[in-house]
PDB file of N, CA and C in Angstrom:
ATOM      1  N   TYR A   1     162.543 -26.609-100.563  1.00  0.00           N
ATOM      2  CA  TYR A   1     161.772 -25.425-100.927  1.00  0.00           C
ATOM      3  C   TYR A   1     160.626 -25.232 -99.949  1.00  0.00           C
ATOM      4  N   GLU A   2     160.999 -25.139 -98.694  1.00  0.00           N
ATOM      5  CA  GLU A   2     160.026 -25.027 -97.617  1.00  0.00           C
ATOM      6  C   GLU A   2     159.382 -23.639 -97.577  1.00  0.00           C
ATOM      7  N   THR A   3     160.196 -22.601 -97.764  1.00  0.00           N
ATOM      8  CA  THR A   3     159.688 -21.233 -97.644  1.00  0.00           C
ATOM      9  C   THR A   3     159.225 -20.674 -98.981  1.00  0.00           C
ATOM     10  N   PHE A   4     160.000 -20.936-100.048  1.00  0.00           N
ATOM     11  CA  PHE A   4     159.685 -20.406-101.373  1.00  0.00           C
ATOM     12  C   PHE A   4     159.535 -21.552-102.358  1.00  0.00           C
ATOM     13  N   SER A   5     158.771 -21.286-103.405  1.00  0.00           N
ATOM     14  CA  SER A   5     158.685 -22.280-104.472  1.00  0.00           C
ATOM     15  C   SER A   5     160.031 -22.327-105.190  1.00  0.00           C
ATOM     16  N   LYS A   6     160.228 -23.348-105.992  1.00  0.00           N
ATOM     17  CA  LYS A   6     161.493 -23.507-106.716  1.00  0.00           C
ATOM     18  C   LYS A   6     161.764 -22.297-107.612  1.00  0.00           C
ATOM     19  N   ILE A   7     160.761 -21.802-108.284  1.00  0.00           N
ATOM     20  CA  ILE A   7     160.910 -20.648-109.183  1.00  0.00           C
ATOM     21  C   ILE A   7     161.257 -19.389-108.391  1.00  0.00           C
ATOM     22  N   GLU A   8     160.542 -19.152-107.281  1.00  0.00           N
ATOM     23  CA  GLU A   8     160.835 -17.981-106.444  1.00  0.00           C
ATOM     24  C   GLU A   8     162.254 -18.045-105.890  1.00  0.00           C
ATOM     25  N   ALA A   9     162.658 -19.214-105.437  1.00  0.00           N
ATOM     26  CA  ALA A   9     164.005 -19.379-104.878  1.00  0.00           C
ATOM     27  C   ALA A   9     165.067 -19.083-105.930  1.00  0.00           C
ATOM     28  N   LYS A  10     164.874 -19.561-107.153  1.00  0.00           N
ATOM     29  CA  LYS A  10     165.829 -19.288-108.235  1.00  0.00           C
ATOM     30  C   LYS A  10     165.878 -17.800-108.560  1.00  0.00           C
ATOM     31  N   ASN A  11     164.732 -17.135-108.561  1.00  0.00           N
ATOM     32  CA  ASN A  11     164.698 -15.688-108.821  1.00  0.00           C
ATOM     33  C   ASN A  11     165.428 -14.906-107.732  1.00  0.00           C
ATOM     34  N   ILE A  12     165.248 -15.306-106.493  1.00  0.00           N
ATOM     35  CA  ILE A  12     165.948 -14.645-105.378  1.00  0.00           C
ATOM     36  C   ILE A  12     167.449 -14.872-105.513  1.00  0.00           C
ATOM     37  N   LEU A  13     167.839 -16.095-105.814  1.00  0.00           N
ATOM     38  CA  LEU A  13     169.258 -16.425-105.942  1.00  0.00           C
ATOM     39  C   LEU A  13     169.933 -15.608-107.046  1.00  0.00           C
ATOM     40  N   LYS A  14     169.210 -15.322-108.114  1.00  0.00           N
ATOM     41  CA  LYS A  14     169.766 -14.509-109.208  1.00  0.00           C
ATOM     42  C   LYS A  14     170.111 -13.093-108.742  1.00  0.00           C
ATOM     43  N   ARG A  15     169.399 -12.578-107.737  1.00  0.00           N
ATOM     44  CA  ARG A  15     169.628 -11.207-107.259  1.00  0.00           C
ATOM     45  C   ARG A  15     170.739 -11.118-106.221  1.00  0.00           C
ATOM     46  N   ILE A  16     171.174 -12.241-105.692  1.00  0.00           N
ATOM     47  CA  ILE A  16     172.218 -12.239-104.668  1.00  0.00           C
ATOM     48  C   ILE A  16     173.578 -12.137-105.344  1.00  0.00           C
ATOM     49  N   LYS A  17     174.405 -11.233-104.828  1.00  0.00           N
ATOM     50  CA  LYS A  17     175.765 -11.081-105.346  1.00  0.00           C
ATOM     51  C   LYS A  17     176.743 -11.416-104.229  1.00  0.00           C
ATOM     52  N   PHE A  18     177.702 -12.242-104.545  1.00  0.00           N
ATOM     53  CA  PHE A  18     178.744 -12.599-103.588  1.00  0.00           C
ATOM     54  C   PHE A  18     179.992 -11.789-103.913  1.00  0.00           C
ATOM     55  N   HIS A  19     180.556 -11.170-102.901  1.00  0.00           N
ATOM     56  CA  HIS A  19     181.756 -10.359-103.074  1.00  0.00           C
ATOM     57  C   HIS A  19     182.862 -10.946-102.211  1.00  0.00           C
ATOM     58  N   TYR A  20     183.925 -11.311-102.850  1.00  0.00           N
ATOM     59  CA  TYR A  20     185.058 -11.868-102.115  1.00  0.00           C
ATOM     60  C   TYR A  20     186.072 -10.766-101.855  1.00  0.00           C
ATOM     61  N   THR A  21     186.635 -10.769-100.682  1.00  0.00           N
ATOM     62  CA  THR A  21     187.536  -9.694-100.276  1.00  0.00           C
ATOM     63  C   THR A  21     188.967  -9.982-100.716  1.00  0.00           C
ATOM     64  N   PRO A  22     189.700  -8.927-101.083  1.00  0.00           N
ATOM     65  CA  PRO A  22     191.105  -9.096-101.450  1.00  0.00           C
ATOM     66  C   PRO A  22     191.926  -9.596-100.262  1.00  0.00           C
ATOM     67  N   LYS A  23     193.035 -10.218-100.565  1.00  0.00           N
ATOM     68  CA  LYS A  23     193.887 -10.817 -99.545  1.00  0.00           C
ATOM     69  C   LYS A  23     194.428  -9.792 -98.555  1.00  0.00           C
ATOM     70  N   HIS A  24     194.757  -8.577 -99.013  1.00  0.00           N
ATOM     71  CA  HIS A  24     195.415  -7.586 -98.160  1.00  0.00           C
ATOM     72  C   HIS A  24     194.471  -6.492 -97.662  1.00  0.00           C
ATOM     73  N   ALA A  25     193.194  -6.670 -97.750  1.00  0.00           N
ATOM     74  CA  ALA A  25     192.243  -5.638 -97.317  1.00  0.00           C
ATOM     75  C   ALA A  25     191.625  -6.055 -95.990  1.00  0.00           C
ATOM     76  N   SER A  26     192.377  -5.876 -94.915  1.00  0.00           N
ATOM     77  CA  SER A  26     191.916  -6.369 -93.615  1.00  0.00           C
ATOM     78  C   SER A  26     190.627  -5.700 -93.164  1.00  0.00           C
ATOM     79  N   TRP A  27     190.399  -4.429 -93.553  1.00  0.00           N
ATOM     80  CA  TRP A  27     189.166  -3.764 -93.138  1.00  0.00           C
ATOM     81  C   TRP A  27     187.962  -4.433 -93.785  1.00  0.00           C
ATOM     82  N   LEU A  28     188.131  -4.948 -94.993  1.00  0.00           N
ATOM     83  CA  LEU A  28     187.029  -5.672 -95.623  1.00  0.00           C
ATOM     84  C   LEU A  28     186.784  -6.990 -94.903  1.00  0.00           C
ATOM     85  N   ASN A  29     187.845  -7.626 -94.459  1.00  0.00           N
ATOM     86  CA  ASN A  29     187.686  -8.857 -93.689  1.00  0.00           C
ATOM     87  C   ASN A  29     186.919  -8.580 -92.404  1.00  0.00           C
ATOM     88  N   MET A  30     187.191  -7.430 -91.771  1.00  0.00           N
ATOM     89  CA  MET A  30     186.472  -7.059 -90.551  1.00  0.00           C
ATOM     90  C   MET A  30     184.985  -6.855 -90.848  1.00  0.00           C
ATOM     91  N   ALA A  31     184.685  -6.217 -91.981  1.00  0.00           N
ATOM     92  CA  ALA A  31     183.281  -6.024 -92.364  1.00  0.00           C
ATOM     93  C   ALA A  31     182.616  -7.372 -92.611  1.00  0.00           C
ATOM     94  N   GLU A  32     183.341  -8.257 -93.245  1.00  0.00           N
ATOM     95  CA  GLU A  32     182.822  -9.597 -93.507  1.00  0.00           C
ATOM     96  C   GLU A  32     182.543 -10.335 -92.191  1.00  0.00           C
ATOM     97  N   ILE A  33     183.422 -10.174 -91.216  1.00  0.00           N
ATOM     98  CA  ILE A  33     183.224 -10.789 -89.904  1.00  0.00           C
ATOM     99  C   ILE A  33     181.968 -10.226 -89.245  1.00  0.00           C
ATOM    100  N   GLU A  34     181.778  -8.905 -89.336  1.00  0.00           N
ATOM    101  CA  GLU A  34     180.603  -8.274 -88.723  1.00  0.00           C
ATOM    102  C   GLU A  34     179.313  -8.777 -89.372  1.00  0.00           C
ATOM    103  N   ILE A  35     179.327  -8.951 -90.676  1.00  0.00           N
ATOM    104  CA  ILE A  35     178.156  -9.497 -91.375  1.00  0.00           C
ATOM    105  C   ILE A  35     177.895 -10.929 -90.899  1.00  0.00           C
ATOM    106  N   ASN A  36     178.952 -11.686 -90.682  1.00  0.00           N
ATOM    107  CA  ASN A  36     178.807 -13.047 -90.170  1.00  0.00           C
ATOM    108  C   ASN A  36     178.203 -13.047 -88.767  1.00  0.00           C
ATOM    109  N   VAL A  37     178.626 -12.091 -87.929  1.00  0.00           N
ATOM    110  CA  VAL A  37     178.059 -11.971 -86.580  1.00  0.00           C
ATOM    111  C   VAL A  37     176.564 -11.661 -86.682  1.00  0.00           C
ATOM    112  N   LEU A  38     176.201 -10.731 -87.563  1.00  0.00           N
ATOM    113  CA  LEU A  38     174.787 -10.405 -87.786  1.00  0.00           C
ATOM    114  C   LEU A  38     174.017 -11.660 -88.186  1.00  0.00           C
ATOM    115  N   SER A  39     174.567 -12.407 -89.115  1.00  0.00           N
ATOM    116  CA  SER A  39     173.892 -13.623 -89.583  1.00  0.00           C
ATOM    117  C   SER A  39     173.694 -14.640 -88.470  1.00  0.00           C
ATOM    118  N   SER A  40     174.733 -14.842 -87.663  1.00  0.00           N
ATOM    119  CA  SER A  40     174.633 -15.882 -86.635  1.00  0.00           C
ATOM    120  C   SER A  40     173.836 -15.448 -85.412  1.00  0.00           C
ATOM    121  N   GLN A  41     173.840 -14.157 -85.096  1.00  0.00           N
ATOM    122  CA  GLN A  41     173.140 -13.697 -83.893  1.00  0.00           C
ATOM    123  C   GLN A  41     171.722 -13.200 -84.165  1.00  0.00           C
ATOM    124  N   CYS A  42     171.462 -12.779 -85.379  1.00  0.00           N
ATOM    125  CA  CYS A  42     170.171 -12.131 -85.644  1.00  0.00           C
ATOM    126  C   CYS A  42     169.366 -12.833 -86.742  1.00  0.00           C
ATOM    127  N   LEU A  43     170.039 -13.263 -87.774  1.00  0.00           N
ATOM    128  CA  LEU A  43     169.324 -13.821 -88.926  1.00  0.00           C
ATOM    129  C   LEU A  43     169.353 -15.346 -88.947  1.00  0.00           C
ATOM    130  N   ASN A  44     169.580 -15.955 -87.801  1.00  0.00           N
ATOM    131  CA  ASN A  44     169.666 -17.414 -87.711  1.00  0.00           C
ATOM    132  C   ASN A  44     168.310 -18.056 -87.435  1.00  0.00           C
ATOM    133  N   GLN A  45     167.267 -17.358 -87.795  1.00  0.00           N
ATOM    134  CA  GLN A  45     165.914 -17.850 -87.552  1.00  0.00           C
ATOM    135  C   GLN A  45     165.056 -17.599 -88.786  1.00  0.00           C
ATOM    136  N   LYS A  46     163.935 -18.225 -88.833  1.00  0.00           N
ATOM    137  CA  LYS A  46     163.032 -18.052 -89.964  1.00  0.00           C
ATOM    138  C   LYS A  46     162.299 -16.722 -89.817  1.00  0.00           C
ATOM    139  N   ILE A  47     162.486 -15.834 -90.776  1.00  0.00           N
ATOM    140  CA  ILE A  47     161.816 -14.530 -90.781  1.00  0.00           C
ATOM    141  C   ILE A  47     161.050 -14.443 -92.095  1.00  0.00           C
ATOM    142  N   LEU A  48     159.753 -14.295 -92.005  1.00  0.00           N
ATOM    143  CA  LEU A  48     158.913 -14.387 -93.198  1.00  0.00           C
ATOM    144  C   LEU A  48     158.719 -13.062 -93.927  1.00  0.00           C
ATOM    145  N   GLU A  49     158.787 -11.960 -93.209  1.00  0.00           N
ATOM    146  CA  GLU A  49     158.495 -10.661 -93.813  1.00  0.00           C
ATOM    147  C   GLU A  49     159.716  -9.750 -93.764  1.00  0.00           C
ATOM    148  N   LEU A  50     159.902  -8.957 -94.814  1.00  0.00           N
ATOM    149  CA  LEU A  50     161.006  -8.001 -94.868  1.00  0.00           C
ATOM    150  C   LEU A  50     160.912  -6.992 -93.730  1.00  0.00           C
ATOM    151  N   LYS A  51     159.700  -6.545 -93.443  1.00  0.00           N
ATOM    152  CA  LYS A  51     159.484  -5.589 -92.350  1.00  0.00           C
ATOM    153  C   LYS A  51     159.946  -6.176 -91.011  1.00  0.00           C
ATOM    154  N   GLU A  52     159.629  -7.448 -90.803  1.00  0.00           N
ATOM    155  CA  GLU A  52     160.032  -8.135 -89.573  1.00  0.00           C
ATOM    156  C   GLU A  52     161.561  -8.268 -89.508  1.00  0.00           C
ATOM    157  N   MET A  53     162.184  -8.577 -90.644  1.00  0.00           N
ATOM    158  CA  MET A  53     163.640  -8.699 -90.681  1.00  0.00           C
ATOM    159  C   MET A  53     164.295  -7.365 -90.336  1.00  0.00           C
ATOM    160  N   ARG A  54     163.758  -6.278 -90.884  1.00  0.00           N
ATOM    161  CA  ARG A  54     164.303  -4.946 -90.582  1.00  0.00           C
ATOM    162  C   ARG A  54     164.195  -4.632 -89.095  1.00  0.00           C
ATOM    163  N   LYS A  55     163.083  -5.025 -88.472  1.00  0.00           N
ATOM    164  CA  LYS A  55     162.914  -4.815 -87.026  1.00  0.00           C
ATOM    165  C   LYS A  55     163.954  -5.601 -86.236  1.00  0.00           C
ATOM    166  N   HIS A  56     164.177  -6.846 -86.636  1.00  0.00           N
ATOM    167  CA  HIS A  56     165.171  -7.687 -85.958  1.00  0.00           C
ATOM    168  C   HIS A  56     166.567  -7.074 -86.080  1.00  0.00           C
ATOM    169  N   ILE A  57     166.915  -6.634 -87.284  1.00  0.00           N
ATOM    170  CA  ILE A  57     168.243  -6.048 -87.510  1.00  0.00           C
ATOM    171  C   ILE A  57     168.398  -4.757 -86.726  1.00  0.00           C
ATOM    172  N   ALA A  58     167.372  -3.913 -86.717  1.00  0.00           N
ATOM    173  CA  ALA A  58     167.437  -2.645 -85.972  1.00  0.00           C
ATOM    174  C   ALA A  58     167.633  -2.900 -84.480  1.00  0.00           C
ATOM    175  N   ALA A  59     166.917  -3.874 -83.935  1.00  0.00           N
ATOM    176  CA  ALA A  59     167.055  -4.200 -82.506  1.00  0.00           C
ATOM    177  C   ALA A  59     168.444  -4.762 -82.217  1.00  0.00           C
ATOM    178  N   TRP A  60     168.931  -5.629 -83.095  1.00  0.00           N
ATOM    179  CA  TRP A  60     170.270  -6.202 -82.926  1.00  0.00           C
ATOM    180  C   TRP A  60     171.331  -5.105 -82.983  1.00  0.00           C
ATOM    181  N   LEU A  61     171.196  -4.203 -83.949  1.00  0.00           N
ATOM    182  CA  LEU A  61     172.158  -3.112 -84.115  1.00  0.00           C
ATOM    183  C   LEU A  61     172.149  -2.171 -82.911  1.00  0.00           C
ATOM    184  N   LYS A  62     170.955  -1.873 -82.410  1.00  0.00           N
ATOM    185  CA  LYS A  62     170.840  -1.014 -81.227  1.00  0.00           C
ATOM    186  C   LYS A  62     171.559  -1.655 -80.037  1.00  0.00           C
ATOM    187  N   HIS A  63     171.324  -2.952 -79.842  1.00  0.00           N
ATOM    188  CA  HIS A  63     171.980  -3.674 -78.743  1.00  0.00           C
ATOM    189  C   HIS A  63     173.497  -3.709 -78.949  1.00  0.00           C
ATOM    190  N   ARG A  64     173.919  -3.971 -80.166  1.00  0.00           N
ATOM    191  CA  ARG A  64     175.361  -4.059 -80.481  1.00  0.00           C
ATOM    192  C   ARG A  64     176.040  -2.715 -80.210  1.00  0.00           C
ATOM    193  N   ASN A  65     175.386  -1.625 -80.603  1.00  0.00           N
ATOM    194  CA  ASN A  65     175.942  -0.290 -80.355  1.00  0.00           C
ATOM    195  C   ASN A  65     175.951   0.033 -78.860  1.00  0.00           C
ATOM    196  N   LYS A  66     174.880  -0.367 -78.165  1.00  0.00           N
ATOM    197  CA  LYS A  66     174.810  -0.124 -76.722  1.00  0.00           C
ATOM    198  C   LYS A  66     175.947  -0.847 -76.000  1.00  0.00           C
ATOM    199  N   MET A  67     176.274  -2.042 -76.459  1.00  0.00           N
ATOM    200  CA  MET A  67     177.359  -2.825 -75.859  1.00  0.00           C
ATOM    201  C   MET A  67     178.738  -2.328 -76.311  1.00  0.00           C
ATOM    202  N   LYS A  68     178.732  -1.365 -77.236  1.00  0.00           N
ATOM    203  CA  LYS A  68     179.973  -0.796 -77.795  1.00  0.00           C
ATOM    204  C   LYS A  68     180.874  -1.882 -78.372  1.00  0.00           C
ATOM    205  N   ALA A  69     180.240  -2.782 -79.111  1.00  0.00           N
ATOM    206  CA  ALA A  69     180.999  -3.845 -79.769  1.00  0.00           C
ATOM    207  C   ALA A  69     181.928  -3.202 -80.783  1.00  0.00           C
ATOM    208  N   GLY A  70     183.153  -3.611 -80.767  1.00  0.00           N
ATOM    209  CA  GLY A  70     184.124  -3.000 -81.665  1.00  0.00           C
ATOM    210  C   GLY A  70     185.017  -4.035 -82.313  1.00  0.00           C
ATOM    211  N   ILE A  71     185.987  -3.512 -83.011  1.00  0.00           N
ATOM    212  CA  ILE A  71     186.942  -4.349 -83.717  1.00  0.00           C
ATOM    213  C   ILE A  71     188.289  -4.216 -83.024  1.00  0.00           C
ATOM    214  N   ASN A  72     188.923  -5.325 -82.766  1.00  0.00           N
ATOM    215  CA  ASN A  72     190.247  -5.328 -82.159  1.00  0.00           C
ATOM    216  C   ASN A  72     191.282  -5.325 -83.282  1.00  0.00           C
ATOM    217  N   TRP A  73     191.691  -4.126 -83.696  1.00  0.00           N
ATOM    218  CA  TRP A  73     192.651  -4.000 -84.791  1.00  0.00           C
ATOM    219  C   TRP A  73     193.972  -4.617 -84.385  1.00  0.00           C
ATOM    220  N   LYS A  74     194.619  -5.267 -85.309  1.00  0.00           N
ATOM    221  CA  LYS A  74     195.857  -5.992 -85.034  1.00  0.00           C
ATOM    222  C   LYS A  74     197.109  -5.133 -85.207  1.00  0.00           C
ATOM    223  N   PHE A  75     196.976  -3.916 -85.742  1.00  0.00           N
ATOM    224  CA  PHE A  75     198.138  -3.054 -85.868  1.00  0.00           C
ATOM    225  C   PHE A  75     197.725  -1.599 -85.700  1.00  0.00           C
ATOM    226  N   THR A  76     198.710  -0.748 -85.456  1.00  0.00           N
ATOM    227  CA  THR A  76     198.442   0.664 -85.191  1.00  0.00           C
ATOM    228  C   THR A  76     198.263   1.435 -86.492  1.00  0.00           C
ATOM    229  N   LYS A  77     197.822   2.673 -86.372  1.00  0.00           N
ATOM    230  CA  LYS A  77     197.668   3.552 -87.529  1.00  0.00           C
ATOM    231  C   LYS A  77     199.007   3.713 -88.249  1.00  0.00           C
ATOM    232  N   GLU A  78     200.072   3.881 -87.475  1.00  0.00           N
ATOM    233  CA  GLU A  78     201.399   4.065 -88.062  1.00  0.00           C
ATOM    234  C   GLU A  78     201.841   2.813 -88.826  1.00  0.00           C
ATOM    235  N   GLN A  79     201.582   1.657 -88.245  1.00  0.00           N
ATOM    236  CA  GLN A  79     201.927   0.406 -88.928  1.00  0.00           C
ATOM    237  C   GLN A  79     201.118   0.254 -90.215  1.00  0.00           C
ATOM    238  N   ALA A  80     199.855   0.667 -90.172  1.00  0.00           N
ATOM    239  CA  ALA A  80     199.000   0.588 -91.360  1.00  0.00           C
ATOM    240  C   ALA A  80     199.525   1.505 -92.456  1.00  0.00           C
ATOM    241  N   GLU A  81     199.943   2.717 -92.085  1.00  0.00           N
ATOM    242  CA  GLU A  81     200.481   3.651 -93.081  1.00  0.00           C
ATOM    243  C   GLU A  81     201.709   3.068 -93.766  1.00  0.00           C
ATOM    244  N   ILE A  82     202.583   2.446 -92.991  1.00  0.00           N
ATOM    245  CA  ILE A  82     203.789   1.838 -93.565  1.00  0.00           C
ATOM    246  C   ILE A  82     203.409   0.694 -94.503  1.00  0.00           C
ATOM    247  N   LYS A  83     202.543  -0.170 -94.027  1.00  0.00           N
ATOM    248  CA  LYS A  83     202.150  -1.336 -94.818  1.00  0.00           C
ATOM    249  C   LYS A  83     201.476  -0.922 -96.122  1.00  0.00           C
ATOM    250  N   PHE A  84     200.518  -0.005 -96.054  1.00  0.00           N
ATOM    251  CA  PHE A  84     199.773   0.360 -97.251  1.00  0.00           C
ATOM    252  C   PHE A  84     200.587   1.234 -98.191  1.00  0.00           C
ATOM    253  N   LYS A  85     201.537   1.975 -97.681  1.00  0.00           N
ATOM    254  CA  LYS A  85     202.413   2.761 -98.549  1.00  0.00           C
ATOM    255  C   LYS A  85     203.238   1.807 -99.404  1.00  0.00           C
ATOM    256  N   LEU A  86     203.723   0.734 -98.801  1.00  0.00           N
ATOM    257  CA  LEU A  86     204.521  -0.247 -99.533  1.00  0.00           C
ATOM    258  C   LEU A  86     203.679  -1.011-100.551  1.00  0.00           C
ATOM    259  N   ASN A  87     202.476  -1.400-100.146  1.00  0.00           N
ATOM    260  CA  ASN A  87     201.653  -2.246-101.009  1.00  0.00           C
ATOM    261  C   ASN A  87     200.783  -1.477-101.994  1.00  0.00           C
ATOM    262  N   HIS A  88     200.310  -0.305-101.599  1.00  0.00           N
ATOM    263  CA  HIS A  88     199.317   0.386-102.415  1.00  0.00           C
ATOM    264  C   HIS A  88     199.686   1.823-102.752  1.00  0.00           C
ATOM    265  N   LYS A  89     200.800   2.334-102.196  1.00  0.00           N
ATOM    266  CA  LYS A  89     201.222   3.714-102.428  1.00  0.00           C
ATOM    267  C   LYS A  89     200.075   4.698-102.162  1.00  0.00           C
ATOM    268  N   THR A  90     199.420   4.556-101.033  1.00  0.00           N
ATOM    269  CA  THR A  90     198.300   5.421-100.665  1.00  0.00           C
ATOM    270  C   THR A  90     198.781   6.610 -99.859  1.00  0.00           C
ATOM    271  N   GLN A  91     197.905   7.612 -99.701  1.00  0.00           N
ATOM    272  CA  GLN A  91     198.213   8.763 -98.861  1.00  0.00           C
ATOM    273  C   GLN A  91     198.146   8.348 -97.404  1.00  0.00           C
ATOM    274  N   LYS A  92     198.680   9.215 -96.533  1.00  0.00           N
ATOM    275  CA  LYS A  92     198.605   8.936 -95.098  1.00  0.00           C
ATOM    276  C   LYS A  92     197.146   8.830 -94.676  1.00  0.00           C
ATOM    277  N   LEU A  93     196.890   7.985 -93.695  1.00  0.00           N
ATOM    278  CA  LEU A  93     195.529   7.829 -93.177  1.00  0.00           C
ATOM    279  C   LEU A  93     195.066   9.118 -92.517  1.00  0.00           C
ATOM    280  N   ASN A  94     193.787   9.417 -92.612  1.00  0.00           N
ATOM    281  CA  ASN A  94     193.154  10.592 -91.997  1.00  0.00           C
ATOM    282  C   ASN A  94     193.664  11.911 -92.551  1.00  0.00           C
ATOM    283  N   GLU A  95     194.103  11.956 -93.792  1.00  0.00           N
ATOM    284  CA  GLU A  95     194.498  13.228 -94.395  1.00  0.00           C
ATOM    285  C   GLU A  95     193.431  13.697 -95.343  1.00  0.00           C
TER     286      GLU A  95
END
């Protein structure tokens, strides 16, 4: 309990929600990966103030966008339509 008292830490922990992604939702897995990148590249240090954390995230995001960091999708739009039609009976993508 270096940063927060035991009571404060427990109160913060109560507000945190963990969301696990479904097995077949690859886009959610990609979002989860991006959050992990944010954590390891930007939030891997002690930040004491919320305002300071927001500044760090904004600077990281600006740099990430400038570098045009993207996601390397493993299948095409057409392959996705076939897969999701079979599994989820969804409409065509981008309609």
